[in-house]
PDB file of N, CA and C in Angstrom:
ATOM      1  N   MET A   1      71.786  38.508-108.314  1.00  0.00           N
ATOM      2  CA  MET A   1      70.468  38.123-109.080  1.00  0.00           C
ATOM      3  C   MET A   1      69.390  38.260-108.069  1.00  0.00           C
ATOM      4  N   PRO A   2      68.293  39.057-108.584  1.00  0.00           N
ATOM      5  CA  PRO A   2      67.130  39.097-107.734  1.00  0.00           C
ATOM      6  C   PRO A   2      66.367  37.603-107.303  1.00  0.00           C
ATOM      7  N   ARG A   3      65.805  37.657-106.230  1.00  0.00           N
ATOM      8  CA  ARG A   3      65.254  36.212-105.690  1.00  0.00           C
ATOM      9  C   ARG A   3      64.256  35.604-106.760  1.00  0.00           C
ATOM     10  N   ASP A   4      63.441  36.561-107.171  1.00  0.00           N
ATOM     11  CA  ASP A   4      62.150  36.309-108.067  1.00  0.00           C
ATOM     12  C   ASP A   4      62.749  35.594-109.531  1.00  0.00           C
ATOM     13  N   ARG A   5      63.926  36.032-109.745  1.00  0.00           N
ATOM     14  CA  ARG A   5      64.478  35.345-111.066  1.00  0.00           C
ATOM     15  C   ARG A   5      65.775  34.393-111.041  1.00  0.00           C
ATOM     16  N   ASP A   6      65.545  33.950-109.606  1.00  0.00           N
ATOM     17  CA  ASP A   6      66.713  32.880-109.616  1.00  0.00           C
ATOM     18  C   ASP A   6      66.034  31.275-110.233  1.00  0.00           C
ATOM     19  N   PRO A   7      66.886  30.982-111.079  1.00  0.00           N
ATOM     20  CA  PRO A   7      66.725  29.737-112.215  1.00  0.00           C
ATOM     21  C   PRO A   7      65.970  28.596-111.233  1.00  0.00           C
ATOM     22  N   PHE A   8      66.674  28.286-109.944  1.00  0.00           N
ATOM     23  CA  PHE A   8      66.065  27.164-109.189  1.00  0.00           C
ATOM     24  C   PHE A   8      64.588  27.642-108.621  1.00  0.00           C
ATOM     25  N   LEU A   9      64.300  28.548-108.305  1.00  0.00           N
ATOM     26  CA  LEU A   9      63.077  28.938-107.724  1.00  0.00           C
ATOM     27  C   LEU A   9      62.144  29.230-108.703  1.00  0.00           C
ATOM     28  N   GLU A  10      62.531  29.566-110.087  1.00  0.00           N
ATOM     29  CA  GLU A  10      61.659  29.697-110.906  1.00  0.00           C
ATOM     30  C   GLU A  10      61.041  28.260-111.198  1.00  0.00           C
ATOM     31  N   ALA A  11      61.919  27.232-111.410  1.00  0.00           N
ATOM     32  CA  ALA A  11      61.695  25.932-111.619  1.00  0.00           C
ATOM     33  C   ALA A  11      60.648  25.172-110.595  1.00  0.00           C
ATOM     34  N   ALA A  12      60.958  25.570-109.491  1.00  0.00           N
ATOM     35  CA  ALA A  12      60.152  25.177-108.269  1.00  0.00           C
ATOM     36  C   ALA A  12      58.827  25.835-108.669  1.00  0.00           C
ATOM     37  N   ARG A  13      58.700  27.199-108.676  1.00  0.00           N
ATOM     38  CA  ARG A  13      57.137  27.457-109.115  1.00  0.00           C
ATOM     39  C   ARG A  13      56.480  27.025-110.183  1.00  0.00           C
ATOM     40  N   ARG A  14      57.218  26.634-111.271  1.00  0.00           N
ATOM     41  CA  ARG A  14      56.496  26.288-112.750  1.00  0.00           C
ATOM     42  C   ARG A  14      56.447  24.747-112.513  1.00  0.00           C
ATOM     43  N   GLU A  15      57.295  24.159-111.944  1.00  0.00           N
ATOM     44  CA  GLU A  15      57.001  22.558-111.823  1.00  0.00           C
ATOM     45  C   GLU A  15      56.666  21.906-110.578  1.00  0.00           C
ATOM     46  N   LEU A  16      57.410  22.266-109.666  1.00  0.00           N
ATOM     47  CA  LEU A  16      56.898  21.527-108.289  1.00  0.00           C
ATOM     48  C   LEU A  16      55.667  21.966-107.544  1.00  0.00           C
ATOM     49  N   ASP A  17      55.366  23.604-107.482  1.00  0.00           N
ATOM     50  CA  ASP A  17      54.094  23.898-107.073  1.00  0.00           C
ATOM     51  C   ASP A  17      52.931  23.243-107.609  1.00  0.00           C
ATOM     52  N   PRO A  18      52.768  23.325-108.791  1.00  0.00           N
ATOM     53  CA  PRO A  18      51.464  22.416-109.465  1.00  0.00           C
ATOM     54  C   PRO A  18      51.316  20.903-108.918  1.00  0.00           C
ATOM     55  N   LYS A  19      52.707  20.255-108.899  1.00  0.00           N
ATOM     56  CA  LYS A  19      52.469  18.935-108.631  1.00  0.00           C
ATOM     57  C   LYS A  19      52.305  18.627-107.413  1.00  0.00           C
ATOM     58  N   MET A  20      52.804  19.534-106.389  1.00  0.00           N
ATOM     59  CA  MET A  20      52.458  19.522-104.775  1.00  0.00           C
ATOM     60  C   MET A  20      51.222  19.532-104.350  1.00  0.00           C
ATOM     61  N   ARG A  21      50.416  20.810-105.326  1.00  0.00           N
ATOM     62  CA  ARG A  21      48.911  21.082-104.805  1.00  0.00           C
ATOM     63  C   ARG A  21      48.078  20.045-105.512  1.00  0.00           C
ATOM     64  N   SER A  22      48.509  19.313-106.415  1.00  0.00           N
ATOM     65  CA  SER A  22      47.573  18.189-107.010  1.00  0.00           C
ATOM     66  C   SER A  22      47.679  16.860-106.366  1.00  0.00           C
ATOM     67  N   SER A  23      48.703  16.818-105.439  1.00  0.00           N
ATOM     68  CA  SER A  23      49.034  15.564-104.922  1.00  0.00           C
ATOM     69  C   SER A  23      48.129  15.452-103.569  1.00  0.00           C
ATOM     70  N   THR A  24      47.758  14.093-103.332  1.00  0.00           N
ATOM     71  CA  THR A  24      47.122  13.869-102.154  1.00  0.00           C
ATOM     72  C   THR A  24      47.667  13.676-100.842  1.00  0.00           C
ATOM     73  N   PHE A  25      49.035  13.029-100.997  1.00  0.00           N
ATOM     74  CA  PHE A  25      50.200  12.977-100.266  1.00  0.00           C
ATOM     75  C   PHE A  25      51.571  12.936-100.675  1.00  0.00           C
ATOM     76  N   VAL A  26      52.668  13.024 -99.999  1.00  0.00           N
ATOM     77  CA  VAL A  26      54.070  12.954-100.404  1.00  0.00           C
ATOM     78  C   VAL A  26      54.763  12.002 -99.826  1.00  0.00           C
ATOM     79  N   VAL A  27      55.415  10.922-100.581  1.00  0.00           N
ATOM     80  CA  VAL A  27      56.174  10.164 -99.944  1.00  0.00           C
ATOM     81  C   VAL A  27      57.644  10.691-100.418  1.00  0.00           C
ATOM     82  N   THR A  28      58.471  10.811 -99.117  1.00  0.00           N
ATOM     83  CA  THR A  28      59.858  11.143 -99.111  1.00  0.00           C
ATOM     84  C   THR A  28      60.664  10.153 -98.674  1.00  0.00           C
ATOM     85  N   VAL A  29      62.081  10.195 -98.904  1.00  0.00           N
ATOM     86  CA  VAL A  29      63.118   9.149 -98.472  1.00  0.00           C
ATOM     87  C   VAL A  29      63.989  10.115 -97.635  1.00  0.00           C
ATOM     88  N   ASN A  30      64.122   9.511 -96.456  1.00  0.00           N
ATOM     89  CA  ASN A  30      65.386  10.151 -95.532  1.00  0.00           C
ATOM     90  C   ASN A  30      66.495   9.932 -96.041  1.00  0.00           C
ATOM     91  N   PRO A  31      67.136  11.239 -96.325  1.00  0.00           N
ATOM     92  CA  PRO A  31      68.405  11.098 -97.002  1.00  0.00           C
ATOM     93  C   PRO A  31      69.571  10.546 -96.237  1.00  0.00           C
ATOM     94  N   ALA A  32      70.649   9.978 -96.744  1.00  0.00           N
ATOM     95  CA  ALA A  32      71.703   9.569 -95.975  1.00  0.00           C
ATOM     96  C   ALA A  32      72.880  10.425 -96.302  1.00  0.00           C
ATOM     97  N   GLY A  33      73.498  11.274 -95.665  1.00  0.00           N
ATOM     98  CA  GLY A  33      74.505  12.037 -96.015  1.00  0.00           C
ATOM     99  C   GLY A  33      74.012  13.529 -96.092  1.00  0.00           C
ATOM    100  N   PRO A  34      74.599  14.323 -96.872  1.00  0.00           N
ATOM    101  CA  PRO A  34      74.171  15.726 -96.864  1.00  0.00           C
ATOM    102  C   PRO A  34      72.823  15.932 -97.205  1.00  0.00           C
ATOM    103  N   ILE A  35      71.962  16.985 -96.771  1.00  0.00           N
ATOM    104  CA  ILE A  35      70.876  17.092 -97.084  1.00  0.00           C
ATOM    105  C   ILE A  35      70.558  17.541 -98.684  1.00  0.00           C
ATOM    106  N   ASP A  36      69.653  16.816 -99.324  1.00  0.00           N
ATOM    107  CA  ASP A  36      69.222  17.242-100.756  1.00  0.00           C
ATOM    108  C   ASP A  36      68.460  18.260-100.780  1.00  0.00           C
ATOM    109  N   PRO A  37      68.659  19.462-101.489  1.00  0.00           N
ATOM    110  CA  PRO A  37      67.884  20.620-101.629  1.00  0.00           C
ATOM    111  C   PRO A  37      66.638  20.252-102.139  1.00  0.00           C
ATOM    112  N   LYS A  38      66.467  19.448-102.975  1.00  0.00           N
ATOM    113  CA  LYS A  38      65.049  19.058-103.731  1.00  0.00           C
ATOM    114  C   LYS A  38      64.241  18.386-102.571  1.00  0.00           C
ATOM    115  N   ILE A  39      64.693  17.550-101.813  1.00  0.00           N
ATOM    116  CA  ILE A  39      63.768  17.087-100.867  1.00  0.00           C
ATOM    117  C   ILE A  39      63.326  17.942 -99.643  1.00  0.00           C
ATOM    118  N   ALA A  40      64.295  18.796 -99.318  1.00  0.00           N
ATOM    119  CA  ALA A  40      63.941  19.803 -98.372  1.00  0.00           C
ATOM    120  C   ALA A  40      62.874  20.721 -98.914  1.00  0.00           C
ATOM    121  N   ILE A  41      63.011  21.175-100.011  1.00  0.00           N
ATOM    122  CA  ILE A  41      61.911  22.000-100.743  1.00  0.00           C
ATOM    123  C   ILE A  41      60.400  21.467-100.982  1.00  0.00           C
ATOM    124  N   GLU A  42      60.388  19.971-101.344  1.00  0.00           N
ATOM    125  CA  GLU A  42      59.401  19.276-101.480  1.00  0.00           C
ATOM    126  C   GLU A  42      58.881  19.028 -99.888  1.00  0.00           C
ATOM    127  N   THR A  43      59.581  18.763 -98.968  1.00  0.00           N
ATOM    128  CA  THR A  43      59.058  18.533 -97.859  1.00  0.00           C
ATOM    129  C   THR A  43      58.583  19.945 -97.253  1.00  0.00           C
ATOM    130  N   GLY A  44      59.344  21.066 -97.375  1.00  0.00           N
ATOM    131  CA  GLY A  44      58.566  22.133 -97.024  1.00  0.00           C
ATOM    132  C   GLY A  44      57.437  22.545 -97.557  1.00  0.00           C
ATOM    133  N   TYR A  45      57.215  22.281 -98.938  1.00  0.00           N
ATOM    134  CA  TYR A  45      55.770  22.538 -99.497  1.00  0.00           C
ATOM    135  C   TYR A  45      54.712  21.673 -99.016  1.00  0.00           C
ATOM    136  N   ALA A  46      55.268  20.351 -98.723  1.00  0.00           N
ATOM    137  CA  ALA A  46      54.047  19.510 -98.103  1.00  0.00           C
ATOM    138  C   ALA A  46      53.727  19.989 -96.884  1.00  0.00           C
ATOM    139  N   VAL A  47      54.531  20.371 -96.137  1.00  0.00           N
ATOM    140  CA  VAL A  47      54.058  21.085 -94.726  1.00  0.00           C
ATOM    141  C   VAL A  47      53.365  22.293 -94.773  1.00  0.00           C
ATOM    142  N   LEU A  48      53.646  22.977 -95.565  1.00  0.00           N
ATOM    143  CA  LEU A  48      52.952  24.209 -96.049  1.00  0.00           C
ATOM    144  C   LEU A  48      51.552  23.969 -96.660  1.00  0.00           C
ATOM    145  N   LEU A  49      51.541  23.066 -97.656  1.00  0.00           N
ATOM    146  CA  LEU A  49      50.156  22.626 -98.104  1.00  0.00           C
ATOM    147  C   LEU A  49      49.306  21.732 -97.119  1.00  0.00           C
ATOM    148  N   ASP A  50      49.899  21.277 -95.974  1.00  0.00           N
ATOM    149  CA  ASP A  50      49.366  20.423 -95.316  1.00  0.00           C
ATOM    150  C   ASP A  50      48.916  19.144 -95.742  1.00  0.00           C
ATOM    151  N   LYS A  51      49.973  18.426 -96.366  1.00  0.00           N
ATOM    152  CA  LYS A  51      49.919  17.280 -97.202  1.00  0.00           C
ATOM    153  C   LYS A  51      50.471  15.998 -96.367  1.00  0.00           C
ATOM    154  N   PRO A  52      49.722  15.115 -96.086  1.00  0.00           N
ATOM    155  CA  PRO A  52      50.356  14.076 -95.198  1.00  0.00           C
ATOM    156  C   PRO A  52      51.629  13.538 -95.707  1.00  0.00           C
ATOM    157  N   ILE A  53      52.869  13.324 -95.136  1.00  0.00           N
ATOM    158  CA  ILE A  53      54.037  12.934 -95.320  1.00  0.00           C
ATOM    159  C   ILE A  53      54.143  11.365 -94.964  1.00  0.00           C
ATOM    160  N   ILE A  54      54.653  10.898 -95.991  1.00  0.00           N
ATOM    161  CA  ILE A  54      55.082   9.235 -95.663  1.00  0.00           C
ATOM    162  C   ILE A  54      56.674   9.408 -95.753  1.00  0.00           C
ATOM    163  N   LEU A  55      57.364   9.067 -94.812  1.00  0.00           N
ATOM    164  CA  LEU A  55      58.693   9.154 -94.597  1.00  0.00           C
ATOM    165  C   LEU A  55      59.210   7.976 -94.870  1.00  0.00           C
ATOM    166  N   VAL A  56      59.853   7.425 -95.791  1.00  0.00           N
ATOM    167  CA  VAL A  56      60.924   6.185 -96.015  1.00  0.00           C
ATOM    168  C   VAL A  56      62.104   6.211 -95.552  1.00  0.00           C
ATOM    169  N   VAL A  57      62.477   5.247 -94.595  1.00  0.00           N
ATOM    170  CA  VAL A  57      63.964   5.227 -94.053  1.00  0.00           C
ATOM    171  C   VAL A  57      64.624   4.092 -94.319  1.00  0.00           C
ATOM    172  N   ALA A  58      65.676   4.070 -95.098  1.00  0.00           N
ATOM    173  CA  ALA A  58      66.476   3.010 -95.585  1.00  0.00           C
ATOM    174  C   ALA A  58      66.980   2.072 -94.082  1.00  0.00           C
ATOM    175  N   PRO A  59      67.144   0.864 -94.208  1.00  0.00           N
ATOM    176  CA  PRO A  59      67.915   0.300 -93.298  1.00  0.00           C
ATOM    177  C   PRO A  59      69.036   0.663 -92.603  1.00  0.00           C
ATOM    178  N   GLY A  60      68.970   0.916 -91.436  1.00  0.00           N
ATOM    179  CA  GLY A  60      70.128   1.198 -90.652  1.00  0.00           C
ATOM    180  C   GLY A  60      70.174   2.818 -90.269  1.00  0.00           C
ATOM    181  N   LEU A  61      69.487   3.631 -91.057  1.00  0.00           N
ATOM    182  CA  LEU A  61      69.455   5.126 -90.984  1.00  0.00           C
ATOM    183  C   LEU A  61      68.539   5.302 -89.670  1.00  0.00           C
ATOM    184  N   THR A  62      68.901   6.523 -88.993  1.00  0.00           N
ATOM    185  CA  THR A  62      67.607   6.848 -87.981  1.00  0.00           C
ATOM    186  C   THR A  62      67.164   8.049 -88.651  1.00  0.00           C
ATOM    187  N   VAL A  63      65.822   8.567 -87.817  1.00  0.00           N
ATOM    188  CA  VAL A  63      65.266   9.605 -88.287  1.00  0.00           C
ATOM    189  C   VAL A  63      65.340  10.771 -87.160  1.00  0.00           C
ATOM    190  N   ASN A  64      65.613  11.887 -87.566  1.00  0.00           N
ATOM    191  CA  ASN A  64      65.741  12.777 -86.512  1.00  0.00           C
ATOM    192  C   ASN A  64      64.254  13.460 -86.278  1.00  0.00           C
ATOM    193  N   ALA A  65      64.260  13.905 -84.954  1.00  0.00           N
ATOM    194  CA  ALA A  65      63.066  14.248 -84.363  1.00  0.00           C
ATOM    195  C   ALA A  65      62.169  15.113 -85.247  1.00  0.00           C
ATOM    196  N   GLY A  66      62.669  16.069 -85.776  1.00  0.00           N
ATOM    197  CA  GLY A  66      61.637  16.982 -86.529  1.00  0.00           C
ATOM    198  C   GLY A  66      61.021  16.270 -87.778  1.00  0.00           C
ATOM    199  N   LEU A  67      61.767  15.599 -88.571  1.00  0.00           N
ATOM    200  CA  LEU A  67      61.160  14.581 -89.543  1.00  0.00           C
ATOM    201  C   LEU A  67      59.985  13.794 -88.818  1.00  0.00           C
ATOM    202  N   ARG A  68      60.305  12.734 -87.900  1.00  0.00           N
ATOM    203  CA  ARG A  68      59.399  12.104 -87.111  1.00  0.00           C
ATOM    204  C   ARG A  68      58.073  12.837 -86.841  1.00  0.00           C
ATOM    205  N   ARG A  69      58.191  14.167 -86.346  1.00  0.00           N
ATOM    206  CA  ARG A  69      57.052  14.638 -85.815  1.00  0.00           C
ATOM    207  C   ARG A  69      55.971  15.084 -87.130  1.00  0.00           C
ATOM    208  N   ILE A  70      56.596  15.648 -88.162  1.00  0.00           N
ATOM    209  CA  ILE A  70      55.867  15.951 -89.237  1.00  0.00           C
ATOM    210  C   ILE A  70      55.151  14.793 -90.275  1.00  0.00           C
ATOM    211  N   ALA A  71      55.767  13.661 -90.056  1.00  0.00           N
ATOM    212  CA  ALA A  71      55.462  12.456 -90.946  1.00  0.00           C
ATOM    213  C   ALA A  71      54.119  11.762 -90.283  1.00  0.00           C
ATOM    214  N   ARG A  72      53.147  11.605 -91.312  1.00  0.00           N
ATOM    215  CA  ARG A  72      52.010  10.939 -90.885  1.00  0.00           C
ATOM    216  C   ARG A  72      52.354   9.374 -90.648  1.00  0.00           C
ATOM    217  N   GLU A  73      53.437   8.888 -91.494  1.00  0.00           N
ATOM    218  CA  GLU A  73      53.760   7.507 -91.381  1.00  0.00           C
ATOM    219  C   GLU A  73      55.180   7.544 -91.702  1.00  0.00           C
ATOM    220  N   VAL A  74      55.840   6.694 -90.817  1.00  0.00           N
ATOM    221  CA  VAL A  74      57.312   6.584 -90.953  1.00  0.00           C
ATOM    222  C   VAL A  74      57.550   4.991 -91.174  1.00  0.00           C
ATOM    223  N   VAL A  75      58.062   5.075 -92.401  1.00  0.00           N
ATOM    224  CA  VAL A  75      58.366   3.433 -92.785  1.00  0.00           C
ATOM    225  C   VAL A  75      59.599   3.051 -92.765  1.00  0.00           C
ATOM    226  N   GLU A  76      60.169   2.329 -91.424  1.00  0.00           N
ATOM    227  CA  GLU A  76      61.366   2.036 -91.298  1.00  0.00           C
ATOM    228  C   GLU A  76      61.852   0.558 -92.077  1.00  0.00           C
ATOM    229  N   LEU A  77      62.334   0.893 -93.035  1.00  0.00           N
ATOM    230  CA  LEU A  77      62.567  -0.680 -93.934  1.00  0.00           C
ATOM    231  C   LEU A  77      63.541  -1.406 -93.282  1.00  0.00           C
ATOM    232  N   THR A  78      63.071  -2.750 -93.392  1.00  0.00           N
ATOM    233  CA  THR A  78      63.844  -3.929 -92.954  1.00  0.00           C
ATOM    234  C   THR A  78      64.646  -4.525 -94.385  1.00  0.00           C
ATOM    235  N   SER A  79      64.275  -4.060 -95.269  1.00  0.00           N
ATOM    236  CA  SER A  79      64.884  -4.361 -96.595  1.00  0.00           C
ATOM    237  C   SER A  79      65.149  -3.477 -97.553  1.00  0.00           C
ATOM    238  N   PRO A  80      66.081  -3.340 -98.685  1.00  0.00           N
ATOM    239  CA  PRO A  80      65.900  -2.088 -99.377  1.00  0.00           C
ATOM    240  C   PRO A  80      64.525  -1.943-100.235  1.00  0.00           C
ATOM    241  N   LEU A  81      64.310  -0.551-100.442  1.00  0.00           N
ATOM    242  CA  LEU A  81      62.896  -0.107-100.946  1.00  0.00           C
ATOM    243  C   LEU A  81      62.500  -0.952-102.313  1.00  0.00           C
ATOM    244  N   ASP A  82      63.694  -1.082-102.981  1.00  0.00           N
ATOM    245  CA  ASP A  82      63.252  -1.835-104.543  1.00  0.00           C
ATOM    246  C   ASP A  82      63.129  -3.279-104.253  1.00  0.00           C
ATOM    247  N   SER A  83      63.189  -3.893-103.059  1.00  0.00           N
ATOM    248  CA  SER A  83      63.066  -5.407-102.807  1.00  0.00           C
ATOM    249  C   SER A  83      61.513  -5.451-102.627  1.00  0.00           C
ATOM    250  N   MET A  84      60.940  -6.797-102.729  1.00  0.00           N
ATOM    251  CA  MET A  84      59.840  -6.960-102.391  1.00  0.00           C
ATOM    252  C   MET A  84      59.513  -6.588-101.032  1.00  0.00           C
ATOM    253  N   GLY A  85      60.133  -7.130-100.118  1.00  0.00           N
ATOM    254  CA  GLY A  85      59.627  -6.657 -98.760  1.00  0.00           C
ATOM    255  C   GLY A  85      59.719  -5.265 -98.458  1.00  0.00           C
ATOM    256  N   GLY A  86      60.551  -4.361 -99.126  1.00  0.00           N
ATOM    257  CA  GLY A  86      60.561  -2.880 -98.897  1.00  0.00           C
ATOM    258  C   GLY A  86      59.236  -2.379 -99.724  1.00  0.00           C
ATOM    259  N   GLN A  87      58.934  -2.907-100.891  1.00  0.00           N
ATOM    260  CA  GLN A  87      57.511  -2.476-101.434  1.00  0.00           C
ATOM    261  C   GLN A  87      56.443  -2.963-100.707  1.00  0.00           C
ATOM    262  N   ALA A  88      56.373  -4.052 -99.904  1.00  0.00           N
ATOM    263  CA  ALA A  88      55.211  -4.510 -99.148  1.00  0.00           C
ATOM    264  C   ALA A  88      55.154  -3.468 -98.074  1.00  0.00           C
ATOM    265  N   GLN A  89      56.431  -2.971 -97.470  1.00  0.00           N
ATOM    266  CA  GLN A  89      56.325  -2.229 -96.345  1.00  0.00           C
ATOM    267  C   GLN A  89      55.642  -0.687 -96.735  1.00  0.00           C
ATOM    268  N   LEU A  90      56.126  -0.390 -97.821  1.00  0.00           N
ATOM    269  CA  LEU A  90      55.588   0.931 -98.248  1.00  0.00           C
ATOM    270  C   LEU A  90      53.877   0.806 -98.774  1.00  0.00           C
ATOM    271  N   GLN A  91      53.636  -0.240 -99.350  1.00  0.00           N
ATOM    272  CA  GLN A  91      52.287  -0.412 -99.783  1.00  0.00           C
ATOM    273  C   GLN A  91      51.357  -0.314 -98.337  1.00  0.00           C
ATOM    274  N   ALA A  92      52.107  -0.960 -97.289  1.00  0.00           N
ATOM    275  CA  ALA A  92      51.108  -1.013 -96.122  1.00  0.00           C
ATOM    276  C   ALA A  92      50.983   0.168 -95.558  1.00  0.00           C
ATOM    277  N   ALA A  93      51.923   1.091 -95.752  1.00  0.00           N
ATOM    278  CA  ALA A  93      51.742   2.282 -94.952  1.00  0.00           C
ATOM    279  C   ALA A  93      50.852   3.253 -95.975  1.00  0.00           C
ATOM    280  N   LEU A  94      51.004   3.152 -97.447  1.00  0.00           N
ATOM    281  CA  LEU A  94      49.878   3.790 -98.179  1.00  0.00           C
ATOM    282  C   LEU A  94      48.828   3.430 -97.734  1.00  0.00           C
ATOM    283  N   GLU A  95      48.455   2.161 -97.751  1.00  0.00           N
ATOM    284  CA  GLU A  95      47.055   1.637 -97.224  1.00  0.00           C
ATOM    285  C   GLU A  95      46.492   2.165 -95.813  1.00  0.00           C
ATOM    286  N   ARG A  96      47.448   2.184 -95.112  1.00  0.00           N
ATOM    287  CA  ARG A  96      46.901   2.766 -93.723  1.00  0.00           C
ATOM    288  C   ARG A  96      46.663   4.265 -93.795  1.00  0.00           C
ATOM    289  N   LEU A  97      47.348   5.322 -94.522  1.00  0.00           N
ATOM    290  CA  LEU A  97      47.044   6.544 -94.717  1.00  0.00           C
ATOM    291  C   LEU A  97      45.891   6.692 -95.299  1.00  0.00           C
ATOM    292  N   GLY A  98      45.396   5.811 -96.488  1.00  0.00           N
ATOM    293  CA  GLY A  98      44.375   5.825 -97.150  1.00  0.00           C
ATOM    294  C   GLY A  98      43.193   5.685 -96.584  1.00  0.00           C
ATOM    295  N   ARG A  99      43.240   4.855 -95.509  1.00  0.00           N
ATOM    296  CA  ARG A  99      41.878   4.571 -94.822  1.00  0.00           C
ATOM    297  C   ARG A  99      41.668   6.088 -93.553  1.00  0.00           C
ATOM    298  N   ARG A 100      42.786   6.773 -93.574  1.00  0.00           N
ATOM    299  CA  ARG A 100      42.648   8.082 -92.823  1.00  0.00           C
ATOM    300  C   ARG A 100      42.086   9.254 -93.571  1.00  0.00           C
ATOM    301  N   LEU A 101      42.278   9.173 -94.731  1.00  0.00           N
ATOM    302  CA  LEU A 101      41.931  10.526 -95.478  1.00  0.00           C
ATOM    303  C   LEU A 101      40.586  10.331 -95.759  1.00  0.00           C
ATOM    304  N   ASP A 102      39.792  11.477 -95.797  1.00  0.00           N
ATOM    305  CA  ASP A 102      38.567  11.730 -95.966  1.00  0.00           C
ATOM    306  C   ASP A 102      38.175  11.641 -97.667  1.00  0.00           C
ATOM    307  N   PRO A 103      36.838  11.512 -97.896  1.00  0.00           N
ATOM    308  CA  PRO A 103      36.800  11.097 -99.226  1.00  0.00           C
ATOM    309  C   PRO A 103      37.285  12.123-100.304  1.00  0.00           C
ATOM    310  N   ASP A 104      37.670  13.579 -99.885  1.00  0.00           N
ATOM    311  CA  ASP A 104      38.376  14.416-100.603  1.00  0.00           C
ATOM    312  C   ASP A 104      39.743  14.235-100.624  1.00  0.00           C
ATOM    313  N   GLY A 105      40.550  13.339 -99.912  1.00  0.00           N
ATOM    314  CA  GLY A 105      41.832  13.149-100.090  1.00  0.00           C
ATOM    315  C   GLY A 105      42.505  13.889 -98.871  1.00  0.00           C
ATOM    316  N   MET A 106      41.846  14.425 -98.120  1.00  0.00           N
ATOM    317  CA  MET A 106      42.403  15.364 -96.994  1.00  0.00           C
ATOM    318  C   MET A 106      42.478  14.695 -95.806  1.00  0.00           C
ATOM    319  N   PRO A 107      43.392  14.850 -94.890  1.00  0.00           N
ATOM    320  CA  PRO A 107      43.558  14.079 -93.773  1.00  0.00           C
ATOM    321  C   PRO A 107      42.664  14.732 -92.820  1.00  0.00           C
ATOM    322  N   GLY A 108      42.105  14.030 -91.688  1.00  0.00           N
ATOM    323  CA  GLY A 108      41.551  14.641 -90.629  1.00  0.00           C
ATOM    324  C   GLY A 108      42.507  14.971 -89.797  1.00  0.00           C
ATOM    325  N   TRP A 109      41.922  16.287 -89.163  1.00  0.00           N
ATOM    326  CA  TRP A 109      42.960  17.049 -88.153  1.00  0.00           C
ATOM    327  C   TRP A 109      42.260  17.555 -86.922  1.00  0.00           C
ATOM    328  N   PRO A 110      42.705  17.024 -85.963  1.00  0.00           N
ATOM    329  CA  PRO A 110      44.166  16.486 -85.767  1.00  0.00           C
ATOM    330  C   PRO A 110      44.330  15.051 -86.131  1.00  0.00           C
ATOM    331  N   PRO A 111      45.440  14.555 -86.323  1.00  0.00           N
ATOM    332  CA  PRO A 111      45.480  13.217 -86.772  1.00  0.00           C
ATOM    333  C   PRO A 111      45.007  12.334 -85.407  1.00  0.00           C
ATOM    334  N   ASP A 112      44.165  11.388 -85.500  1.00  0.00           N
ATOM    335  CA  ASP A 112      43.529  10.508 -84.639  1.00  0.00           C
ATOM    336  C   ASP A 112      44.842   9.354 -83.936  1.00  0.00           C
ATOM    337  N   ASP A 113      45.771   9.009 -84.874  1.00  0.00           N
ATOM    338  CA  ASP A 113      46.606   7.841 -84.437  1.00  0.00           C
ATOM    339  C   ASP A 113      47.915   8.143 -84.932  1.00  0.00           C
ATOM    340  N   HIS A 114      48.366   9.426 -84.811  1.00  0.00           N
ATOM    341  CA  HIS A 114      49.692   9.733 -85.351  1.00  0.00           C
ATOM    342  C   HIS A 114      50.716   9.206 -84.231  1.00  0.00           C
ATOM    343  N   ASP A 115      51.043   7.982 -84.645  1.00  0.00           N
ATOM    344  CA  ASP A 115      52.250   7.480 -83.658  1.00  0.00           C
ATOM    345  C   ASP A 115      53.425   7.231 -84.561  1.00  0.00           C
ATOM    346  N   GLY A 116      53.510   7.444 -85.759  1.00  0.00           N
ATOM    347  CA  GLY A 116      54.680   7.320 -86.614  1.00  0.00           C
ATOM    348  C   GLY A 116      55.123   5.770 -86.866  1.00  0.00           C
ATOM    349  N   ALA A 117      54.247   4.951 -86.449  1.00  0.00           N
ATOM    350  CA  ALA A 117      54.456   3.613 -86.497  1.00  0.00           C
ATOM    351  C   ALA A 117      54.279   3.088 -87.936  1.00  0.00           C
ATOM    352  N   ALA A 118      55.246   2.057 -88.470  1.00  0.00           N
ATOM    353  CA  ALA A 118      55.055   1.353 -89.592  1.00  0.00           C
ATOM    354  C   ALA A 118      55.322  -0.092 -89.354  1.00  0.00           C
TER     355      ALA A 118
END
């Protein structure tokens, strides 16, 4: 099957591309276990479109060096994301990132405080 007719790629062009282009930033979850192709493609889109990435890491997981380098914020959860504590940690990261975006929603470059701390 030719690459331009692959159903997975067609779905990405039709659905993912417009969503990624219209977003101000991307929140992604550090996967436990095998790499999720959807997360991998979304992360690649975010990098290629220069979208700030907030990486959410579940308690007990480690972040590889490559993901840490590309993330504007790394939120290393101390409680599950669906808990009040996890939601508060994510909200704090969103607020920090919001303060660093210019009025058009684009990050200043180079980042002035890219320390990956959350």
